């Protein structure tokens, strides 16, 4: 699994935080975790930062990583900004 290049787990009803261990997969190029129930901080690493915003879309409780465009719905985004916490 250390040489995993693509991770597609969209629409699997996954919940909880994204495991920090995924940041150690240096070969990981493509990630799709969209449309789950993920929450908390998106790990700050090259593998996650280089992804398209749609890779994390549909998880309104994710925060932390600055993507090219917001992945949050307008209401959820304003709630996060006003509370400023994950």
PDB file of N, CA and C in Angstrom:
ATOM      1  N   UNK A   1       0.817  -1.190   0.000  1.00  0.00           N
ATOM      2  CA  UNK A   1       0.000   0.000   0.000  1.00  0.00           C
ATOM      3  C   UNK A   1       0.869   1.267   0.000  1.00  0.00           C
ATOM      4  N   UNK A   2       2.127   1.140   0.255  1.00  0.00           N
ATOM      5  CA  UNK A   2       3.001   2.308   0.283  1.00  0.00           C
ATOM      6  C   UNK A   2       3.121   2.978  -1.075  1.00  0.00           C
ATOM      7  N   UNK A   3       2.882   2.237  -2.168  1.00  0.00           N
ATOM      8  CA  UNK A   3       2.988   2.802  -3.509  1.00  0.00           C
ATOM      9  C   UNK A   3       1.619   3.083  -4.131  1.00  0.00           C
ATOM     10  N   UNK A   4       0.598   3.222  -3.317  1.00  0.00           N
ATOM     11  CA  UNK A   4      -0.748   3.526  -3.781  1.00  0.00           C
ATOM     12  C   UNK A   4      -0.752   4.862  -4.511  1.00  0.00           C
ATOM     13  N   UNK A   5      -1.277   4.872  -5.751  1.00  0.00           N
ATOM     14  CA  UNK A   5      -1.294   6.103  -6.549  1.00  0.00           C
ATOM     15  C   UNK A   5      -2.658   6.769  -6.579  1.00  0.00           C
ATOM     16  N   UNK A   6      -3.721   5.992  -6.407  1.00  0.00           N
ATOM     17  CA  UNK A   6      -5.070   6.539  -6.496  1.00  0.00           C
ATOM     18  C   UNK A   6      -5.928   5.974  -5.370  1.00  0.00           C
ATOM     19  N   UNK A   7      -6.675   6.858  -4.712  1.00  0.00           N
ATOM     20  CA  UNK A   7      -7.566   6.454  -3.626  1.00  0.00           C
ATOM     21  C   UNK A   7      -8.940   7.037  -3.898  1.00  0.00           C
ATOM     22  N   UNK A   8      -9.889   6.180  -4.245  1.00  0.00           N
ATOM     23  CA  UNK A   8     -11.250   6.617  -4.526  1.00  0.00           C
ATOM     24  C   UNK A   8     -12.226   5.992  -3.549  1.00  0.00           C
ATOM     25  N   UNK A   9     -12.727   6.795  -2.636  1.00  0.00           N
ATOM     26  CA  UNK A   9     -13.674   6.306  -1.626  1.00  0.00           C
ATOM     27  C   UNK A   9     -14.914   7.195  -1.562  1.00  0.00           C
ATOM     28  N   UNK A  10     -15.282   7.782  -2.685  1.00  0.00           N
ATOM     29  CA  UNK A  10     -16.444   8.680  -2.692  1.00  0.00           C
ATOM     30  C   UNK A  10     -17.731   7.893  -2.520  1.00  0.00           C
ATOM     31  N   UNK A  11     -18.731   8.572  -1.939  1.00  0.00           N
ATOM     32  CA  UNK A  11     -20.077   8.024  -1.760  1.00  0.00           C
ATOM     33  C   UNK A  11     -20.090   6.681  -1.015  1.00  0.00           C
ATOM     34  N   UNK A  12     -19.328   6.603   0.056  1.00  0.00           N
ATOM     35  CA  UNK A  12     -19.276   5.390   0.872  1.00  0.00           C
ATOM     36  C   UNK A  12     -19.792   5.604   2.288  1.00  0.00           C
ATOM     37  N   UNK A  13     -20.380   6.749   2.564  1.00  0.00           N
ATOM     38  CA  UNK A  13     -20.897   7.093   3.885  1.00  0.00           C
ATOM     39  C   UNK A  13     -19.824   7.013   4.967  1.00  0.00           C
ATOM     40  N   UNK A  14     -18.579   7.328   4.585  1.00  0.00           N
ATOM     41  CA  UNK A  14     -17.492   7.354   5.561  1.00  0.00           C
ATOM     42  C   UNK A  14     -17.702   8.527   6.502  1.00  0.00           C
ATOM     43  N   UNK A  15     -17.388   8.337   7.768  1.00  0.00           N
ATOM     44  CA  UNK A  15     -17.539   9.419   8.739  1.00  0.00           C
ATOM     45  C   UNK A  15     -16.283   9.509   9.593  1.00  0.00           C
ATOM     46  N   UNK A  16     -16.159  10.622  10.286  1.00  0.00           N
ATOM     47  CA  UNK A  16     -15.002  10.838  11.139  1.00  0.00           C
ATOM     48  C   UNK A  16     -13.926  11.634  10.432  1.00  0.00           C
ATOM     49  N   UNK A  17     -12.740  11.606  10.994  1.00  0.00           N
ATOM     50  CA  UNK A  17     -11.624  12.387  10.469  1.00  0.00           C
ATOM     51  C   UNK A  17     -10.866  11.607   9.398  1.00  0.00           C
ATOM     52  N   UNK A  18     -10.214  12.347   8.513  1.00  0.00           N
ATOM     53  CA  UNK A  18      -9.330  11.733   7.521  1.00  0.00           C
ATOM     54  C   UNK A  18      -8.060  11.310   8.256  1.00  0.00           C
ATOM     55  N   UNK A  19      -7.658  10.045   8.153  1.00  0.00           N
ATOM     56  CA  UNK A  19      -6.467   9.583   8.880  1.00  0.00           C
ATOM     57  C   UNK A  19      -5.195  10.320   8.455  1.00  0.00           C
ATOM     58  N   UNK A  20      -4.444  10.800   9.415  1.00  0.00           N
ATOM     59  CA  UNK A  20      -3.171  11.475   9.142  1.00  0.00           C
ATOM     60  C   UNK A  20      -2.177  10.539   8.450  1.00  0.00           C
ATOM     61  N   UNK A  21      -2.340   9.245   8.635  1.00  0.00           N
ATOM     62  CA  UNK A  21      -1.430   8.271   8.035  1.00  0.00           C
ATOM     63  C   UNK A  21      -1.428   8.333   6.512  1.00  0.00           C
ATOM     64  N   UNK A  22      -2.522   8.823   5.926  1.00  0.00           N
ATOM     65  CA  UNK A  22      -2.570   8.945   4.466  1.00  0.00           C
ATOM     66  C   UNK A  22      -1.527   9.935   3.955  1.00  0.00           C
ATOM     67  N   UNK A  23      -1.094  10.844   4.792  1.00  0.00           N
ATOM     68  CA  UNK A  23      -0.075  11.825   4.406  1.00  0.00           C
ATOM     69  C   UNK A  23       1.277  11.165   4.164  1.00  0.00           C
ATOM     70  N   UNK A  24       1.465   9.952   4.655  1.00  0.00           N
ATOM     71  CA  UNK A  24       2.740   9.253   4.463  1.00  0.00           C
ATOM     72  C   UNK A  24       2.810   8.506   3.141  1.00  0.00           C
ATOM     73  N   UNK A  25       1.715   8.462   2.401  1.00  0.00           N
ATOM     74  CA  UNK A  25       1.695   7.763   1.112  1.00  0.00           C
ATOM     75  C   UNK A  25       2.255   8.690   0.038  1.00  0.00           C
ATOM     76  N   UNK A  26       3.555   8.671  -0.119  1.00  0.00           N
ATOM     77  CA  UNK A  26       4.231   9.640  -0.991  1.00  0.00           C
ATOM     78  C   UNK A  26       3.915   9.462  -2.473  1.00  0.00           C
ATOM     79  N   UNK A  27       3.448   8.293  -2.894  1.00  0.00           N
ATOM     80  CA  UNK A  27       3.127   8.069  -4.299  1.00  0.00           C
ATOM     81  C   UNK A  27       1.692   8.478  -4.638  1.00  0.00           C
ATOM     82  N   UNK A  28       0.897   8.797  -3.643  1.00  0.00           N
ATOM     83  CA  UNK A  28      -0.513   9.118  -3.841  1.00  0.00           C
ATOM     84  C   UNK A  28      -0.676  10.379  -4.687  1.00  0.00           C
ATOM     85  N   UNK A  29      -1.319  10.227  -5.847  1.00  0.00           N
ATOM     86  CA  UNK A  29      -1.493  11.336  -6.786  1.00  0.00           C
ATOM     87  C   UNK A  29      -2.941  11.793  -6.909  1.00  0.00           C
ATOM     88  N   UNK A  30      -3.877  10.871  -6.787  1.00  0.00           N
ATOM     89  CA  UNK A  30      -5.284  11.179  -7.021  1.00  0.00           C
ATOM     90  C   UNK A  30      -6.117  10.714  -5.833  1.00  0.00           C
ATOM     91  N   UNK A  31      -6.880  11.632  -5.258  1.00  0.00           N
ATOM     92  CA  UNK A  31      -7.724  11.328  -4.101  1.00  0.00           C
ATOM     93  C   UNK A  31      -9.143  11.782  -4.404  1.00  0.00           C
ATOM     94  N   UNK A  32     -10.114  10.919  -4.112  1.00  0.00           N
ATOM     95  CA  UNK A  32     -11.515  11.323  -4.213  1.00  0.00           C
ATOM     96  C   UNK A  32     -12.235  10.830  -2.966  1.00  0.00           C
ATOM     97  N   UNK A  33     -12.507  11.743  -2.064  1.00  0.00           N
ATOM     98  CA  UNK A  33     -13.221  11.437  -0.822  1.00  0.00           C
ATOM     99  C   UNK A  33     -14.548  12.172  -0.767  1.00  0.00           C
ATOM    100  N   UNK A  34     -15.050  12.545  -1.912  1.00  0.00           N
ATOM    101  CA  UNK A  34     -16.250  13.373  -1.976  1.00  0.00           C
ATOM    102  C   UNK A  34     -17.504  12.624  -1.540  1.00  0.00           C
ATOM    103  N   UNK A  35     -18.484  13.402  -1.115  1.00  0.00           N
ATOM    104  CA  UNK A  35     -19.830  12.921  -0.784  1.00  0.00           C
ATOM    105  C   UNK A  35     -19.830  11.819   0.271  1.00  0.00           C
ATOM    106  N   UNK A  36     -19.154  12.087   1.361  1.00  0.00           N
ATOM    107  CA  UNK A  36     -19.184  11.231   2.534  1.00  0.00           C
ATOM    108  C   UNK A  36     -19.651  12.080   3.714  1.00  0.00           C
ATOM    109  N   UNK A  37     -19.337  11.665   4.910  1.00  0.00           N
ATOM    110  CA  UNK A  37     -19.698  12.417   6.113  1.00  0.00           C
ATOM    111  C   UNK A  37     -18.442  12.711   6.923  1.00  0.00           C
ATOM    112  N   UNK A  38     -17.374  13.057   6.220  1.00  0.00           N
ATOM    113  CA  UNK A  38     -16.094  13.310   6.869  1.00  0.00           C
ATOM    114  C   UNK A  38     -16.109  14.650   7.590  1.00  0.00           C
ATOM    115  N   UNK A  39     -15.319  14.743   8.653  1.00  0.00           N
ATOM    116  CA  UNK A  39     -15.278  15.966   9.458  1.00  0.00           C
ATOM    117  C   UNK A  39     -13.852  16.234   9.914  1.00  0.00           C
ATOM    118  N   UNK A  40     -13.653  17.417  10.470  1.00  0.00           N
ATOM    119  CA  UNK A  40     -12.346  17.775  11.009  1.00  0.00           C
ATOM    120  C   UNK A  40     -11.428  18.373   9.966  1.00  0.00           C
ATOM    121  N   UNK A  41     -10.152  18.376  10.293  1.00  0.00           N
ATOM    122  CA  UNK A  41      -9.137  18.990   9.442  1.00  0.00           C
ATOM    123  C   UNK A  41      -8.738  18.068   8.291  1.00  0.00           C
ATOM    124  N   UNK A  42      -8.570  18.665   7.115  1.00  0.00           N
ATOM    125  CA  UNK A  42      -7.971  17.951   5.997  1.00  0.00           C
ATOM    126  C   UNK A  42      -6.468  17.976   6.254  1.00  0.00           C
ATOM    127  N   UNK A  43      -5.793  16.815   6.237  1.00  0.00           N
ATOM    128  CA  UNK A  43      -4.350  16.800   6.506  1.00  0.00           C
ATOM    129  C   UNK A  43      -3.589  17.760   5.595  1.00  0.00           C
ATOM    130  N   UNK A  44      -2.633  18.457   6.161  1.00  0.00           N
ATOM    131  CA  UNK A  44      -1.831  19.409   5.397  1.00  0.00           C
ATOM    132  C   UNK A  44      -0.577  18.713   4.895  1.00  0.00           C
ATOM    133  N   UNK A  45      -0.640  18.279   3.650  1.00  0.00           N
ATOM    134  CA  UNK A  45       0.502  17.635   3.016  1.00  0.00           C
ATOM    135  C   UNK A  45       0.356  17.798   1.510  1.00  0.00           C
ATOM    136  N   UNK A  46       1.409  17.503   0.796  1.00  0.00           N
ATOM    137  CA  UNK A  46       1.415  17.674  -0.653  1.00  0.00           C
ATOM    138  C   UNK A  46       0.322  16.860  -1.328  1.00  0.00           C
ATOM    139  N   UNK A  47       0.080  15.638  -0.855  1.00  0.00           N
ATOM    140  CA  UNK A  47      -0.904  14.766  -1.480  1.00  0.00           C
ATOM    141  C   UNK A  47      -2.306  15.366  -1.444  1.00  0.00           C
ATOM    142  N   UNK A  48      -2.663  16.032  -0.381  1.00  0.00           N
ATOM    143  CA  UNK A  48      -3.997  16.603  -0.254  1.00  0.00           C
ATOM    144  C   UNK A  48      -4.081  17.998  -0.855  1.00  0.00           C
ATOM    145  N   UNK A  49      -3.046  18.783  -0.693  1.00  0.00           N
ATOM    146  CA  UNK A  49      -3.050  20.158  -1.179  1.00  0.00           C
ATOM    147  C   UNK A  49      -3.107  20.278  -2.687  1.00  0.00           C
ATOM    148  N   UNK A  50      -2.644  19.272  -3.399  1.00  0.00           N
ATOM    149  CA  UNK A  50      -2.639  19.323  -4.854  1.00  0.00           C
ATOM    150  C   UNK A  50      -3.909  18.810  -5.498  1.00  0.00           C
ATOM    151  N   UNK A  51      -4.907  18.484  -4.704  1.00  0.00           N
ATOM    152  CA  UNK A  51      -6.139  17.906  -5.236  1.00  0.00           C
ATOM    153  C   UNK A  51      -7.133  18.976  -5.659  1.00  0.00           C
ATOM    154  N   UNK A  52      -8.000  18.599  -6.572  1.00  0.00           N
ATOM    155  CA  UNK A  52      -9.094  19.454  -7.009  1.00  0.00           C
ATOM    156  C   UNK A  52     -10.088  19.597  -5.861  1.00  0.00           C
ATOM    157  N   UNK A  53     -10.756  20.729  -5.777  1.00  0.00           N
ATOM    158  CA  UNK A  53     -11.739  20.953  -4.705  1.00  0.00           C
ATOM    159  C   UNK A  53     -12.835  19.907  -4.691  1.00  0.00           C
ATOM    160  N   UNK A  54     -13.163  19.349  -5.842  1.00  0.00           N
ATOM    161  CA  UNK A  54     -14.233  18.351  -5.907  1.00  0.00           C
ATOM    162  C   UNK A  54     -13.840  17.043  -5.226  1.00  0.00           C
ATOM    163  N   UNK A  55     -12.560  16.838  -4.961  1.00  0.00           N
ATOM    164  CA  UNK A  55     -12.098  15.626  -4.284  1.00  0.00           C
ATOM    165  C   UNK A  55     -12.618  15.522  -2.856  1.00  0.00           C
ATOM    166  N   UNK A  56     -13.001  16.671  -2.270  1.00  0.00           N
ATOM    167  CA  UNK A  56     -13.488  16.693  -0.892  1.00  0.00           C
ATOM    168  C   UNK A  56     -14.911  17.245  -0.793  1.00  0.00           C
ATOM    169  N   UNK A  57     -15.526  17.574  -1.910  1.00  0.00           N
ATOM    170  CA  UNK A  57     -16.863  18.153  -1.928  1.00  0.00           C
ATOM    171  C   UNK A  57     -17.904  17.231  -1.315  1.00  0.00           C
ATOM    172  N   UNK A  58     -18.948  17.814  -0.769  1.00  0.00           N
ATOM    173  CA  UNK A  58     -20.022  17.021  -0.177  1.00  0.00           C
ATOM    174  C   UNK A  58     -19.741  16.577   1.247  1.00  0.00           C
ATOM    175  N   UNK A  59     -18.659  17.043   1.831  1.00  0.00           N
ATOM    176  CA  UNK A  59     -18.318  16.781   3.231  1.00  0.00           C
ATOM    177  C   UNK A  59     -18.339  18.128   3.947  1.00  0.00           C
ATOM    178  N   UNK A  60     -19.517  18.576   4.344  1.00  0.00           N
ATOM    179  CA  UNK A  60     -19.645  19.958   4.819  1.00  0.00           C
ATOM    180  C   UNK A  60     -18.970  20.220   6.161  1.00  0.00           C
ATOM    181  N   UNK A  61     -18.474  19.181   6.830  1.00  0.00           N
ATOM    182  CA  UNK A  61     -17.815  19.390   8.122  1.00  0.00           C
ATOM    183  C   UNK A  61     -16.294  19.357   8.028  1.00  0.00           C
ATOM    184  N   UNK A  62     -15.742  19.312   6.811  1.00  0.00           N
ATOM    185  CA  UNK A  62     -14.289  19.360   6.654  1.00  0.00           C
ATOM    186  C   UNK A  62     -13.809  20.801   6.686  1.00  0.00           C
ATOM    187  N   UNK A  63     -12.609  21.010   7.188  1.00  0.00           N
ATOM    188  CA  UNK A  63     -12.036  22.354   7.206  1.00  0.00           C
ATOM    189  C   UNK A  63     -10.521  22.262   7.216  1.00  0.00           C
ATOM    190  N   UNK A  64      -9.880  23.412   7.079  1.00  0.00           N
ATOM    191  CA  UNK A  64      -8.447  23.498   7.263  1.00  0.00           C
ATOM    192  C   UNK A  64      -7.620  23.726   6.028  1.00  0.00           C
ATOM    193  N   UNK A  65      -7.816  22.955   4.993  1.00  0.00           N
ATOM    194  CA  UNK A  65      -6.980  23.052   3.810  1.00  0.00           C
ATOM    195  C   UNK A  65      -7.535  24.093   2.865  1.00  0.00           C
ATOM    196  N   UNK A  66      -6.683  24.996   2.422  1.00  0.00           N
ATOM    197  CA  UNK A  66      -7.115  26.008   1.468  1.00  0.00           C
ATOM    198  C   UNK A  66      -7.012  25.429   0.068  1.00  0.00           C
ATOM    199  N   UNK A  67      -8.152  25.255  -0.573  1.00  0.00           N
ATOM    200  CA  UNK A  67      -8.201  24.770  -1.943  1.00  0.00           C
ATOM    201  C   UNK A  67      -8.452  25.951  -2.855  1.00  0.00           C
ATOM    202  N   UNK A  68      -8.373  25.705  -4.155  1.00  0.00           N
ATOM    203  CA  UNK A  68      -8.542  26.793  -5.115  1.00  0.00           C
ATOM    204  C   UNK A  68      -9.871  27.501  -4.926  1.00  0.00           C
ATOM    205  N   UNK A  69     -10.932  26.757  -4.674  1.00  0.00           N
ATOM    206  CA  UNK A  69     -12.250  27.322  -4.394  1.00  0.00           C
ATOM    207  C   UNK A  69     -12.801  26.607  -3.176  1.00  0.00           C
ATOM    208  N   UNK A  70     -13.755  27.208  -2.524  1.00  0.00           N
ATOM    209  CA  UNK A  70     -14.346  26.605  -1.342  1.00  0.00           C
ATOM    210  C   UNK A  70     -15.051  25.307  -1.697  1.00  0.00           C
ATOM    211  N   UNK A  71     -14.898  24.285  -0.839  1.00  0.00           N
ATOM    212  CA  UNK A  71     -15.592  23.025  -1.044  1.00  0.00           C
ATOM    213  C   UNK A  71     -16.882  22.980  -0.243  1.00  0.00           C
ATOM    214  N   UNK A  72     -17.128  24.023   0.543  1.00  0.00           N
ATOM    215  CA  UNK A  72     -18.281  24.032   1.421  1.00  0.00           C
ATOM    216  C   UNK A  72     -19.454  24.766   0.795  1.00  0.00           C
ATOM    217  N   UNK A  73     -20.636  24.360   1.176  1.00  0.00           N
ATOM    218  CA  UNK A  73     -21.819  25.130   0.790  1.00  0.00           C
ATOM    219  C   UNK A  73     -21.756  26.474   1.494  1.00  0.00           C
ATOM    220  N   UNK A  74     -22.388  27.493   0.921  1.00  0.00           N
ATOM    221  CA  UNK A  74     -22.299  28.852   1.462  1.00  0.00           C
ATOM    222  C   UNK A  74     -22.643  28.922   2.947  1.00  0.00           C
ATOM    223  N   UNK A  75     -23.730  28.302   3.353  1.00  0.00           N
ATOM    224  CA  UNK A  75     -24.154  28.368   4.752  1.00  0.00           C
ATOM    225  C   UNK A  75     -23.133  27.691   5.660  1.00  0.00           C
ATOM    226  N   UNK A  76     -22.678  26.513   5.267  1.00  0.00           N
ATOM    227  CA  UNK A  76     -21.704  25.798   6.088  1.00  0.00           C
ATOM    228  C   UNK A  76     -20.402  26.575   6.177  1.00  0.00           C
ATOM    229  N   UNK A  77     -20.000  27.188   5.081  1.00  0.00           N
ATOM    230  CA  UNK A  77     -18.764  27.960   5.082  1.00  0.00           C
ATOM    231  C   UNK A  77     -18.861  29.145   6.028  1.00  0.00           C
ATOM    232  N   UNK A  78     -19.969  29.858   5.993  1.00  0.00           N
ATOM    233  CA  UNK A  78     -20.101  31.016   6.875  1.00  0.00           C
ATOM    234  C   UNK A  78     -20.155  30.581   8.332  1.00  0.00           C
ATOM    235  N   UNK A  79     -20.751  29.430   8.619  1.00  0.00           N
ATOM    236  CA  UNK A  79     -20.762  28.915   9.985  1.00  0.00           C
ATOM    237  C   UNK A  79     -19.347  28.606  10.454  1.00  0.00           C
ATOM    238  N   UNK A  80     -18.548  27.987   9.586  1.00  0.00           N
ATOM    239  CA  UNK A  80     -17.180  27.667   9.955  1.00  0.00           C
ATOM    240  C   UNK A  80     -16.359  28.927  10.171  1.00  0.00           C
ATOM    241  N   UNK A  81     -16.547  29.903   9.318  1.00  0.00           N
ATOM    242  CA  UNK A  81     -15.778  31.128   9.450  1.00  0.00           C
ATOM    243  C   UNK A  81     -16.135  31.872  10.728  1.00  0.00           C
ATOM    244  N   UNK A  82     -17.404  31.873  11.082  1.00  0.00           N
ATOM    245  CA  UNK A  82     -17.807  32.606  12.280  1.00  0.00           C
ATOM    246  C   UNK A  82     -17.360  31.891  13.554  1.00  0.00           C
ATOM    247  N   UNK A  83     -17.316  30.574  13.534  1.00  0.00           N
ATOM    248  CA  UNK A  83     -16.881  29.823  14.710  1.00  0.00           C
ATOM    249  C   UNK A  83     -15.370  29.631  14.724  1.00  0.00           C
ATOM    250  N   UNK A  84     -14.767  29.609  13.516  1.00  0.00           N
ATOM    251  CA  UNK A  84     -13.324  29.478  13.350  1.00  0.00           C
ATOM    252  C   UNK A  84     -12.760  28.273  14.090  1.00  0.00           C
ATOM    253  N   UNK A  85     -13.440  27.153  13.986  1.00  0.00           N
ATOM    254  CA  UNK A  85     -12.921  25.934  14.596  1.00  0.00           C
ATOM    255  C   UNK A  85     -13.406  24.728  13.805  1.00  0.00           C
ATOM    256  N   UNK A  86     -12.757  23.612  14.033  1.00  0.00           N
ATOM    257  CA  UNK A  86     -13.155  22.352  13.383  1.00  0.00           C
ATOM    258  C   UNK A  86     -13.785  21.444  14.416  1.00  0.00           C
TER     259      UNK A  86
END
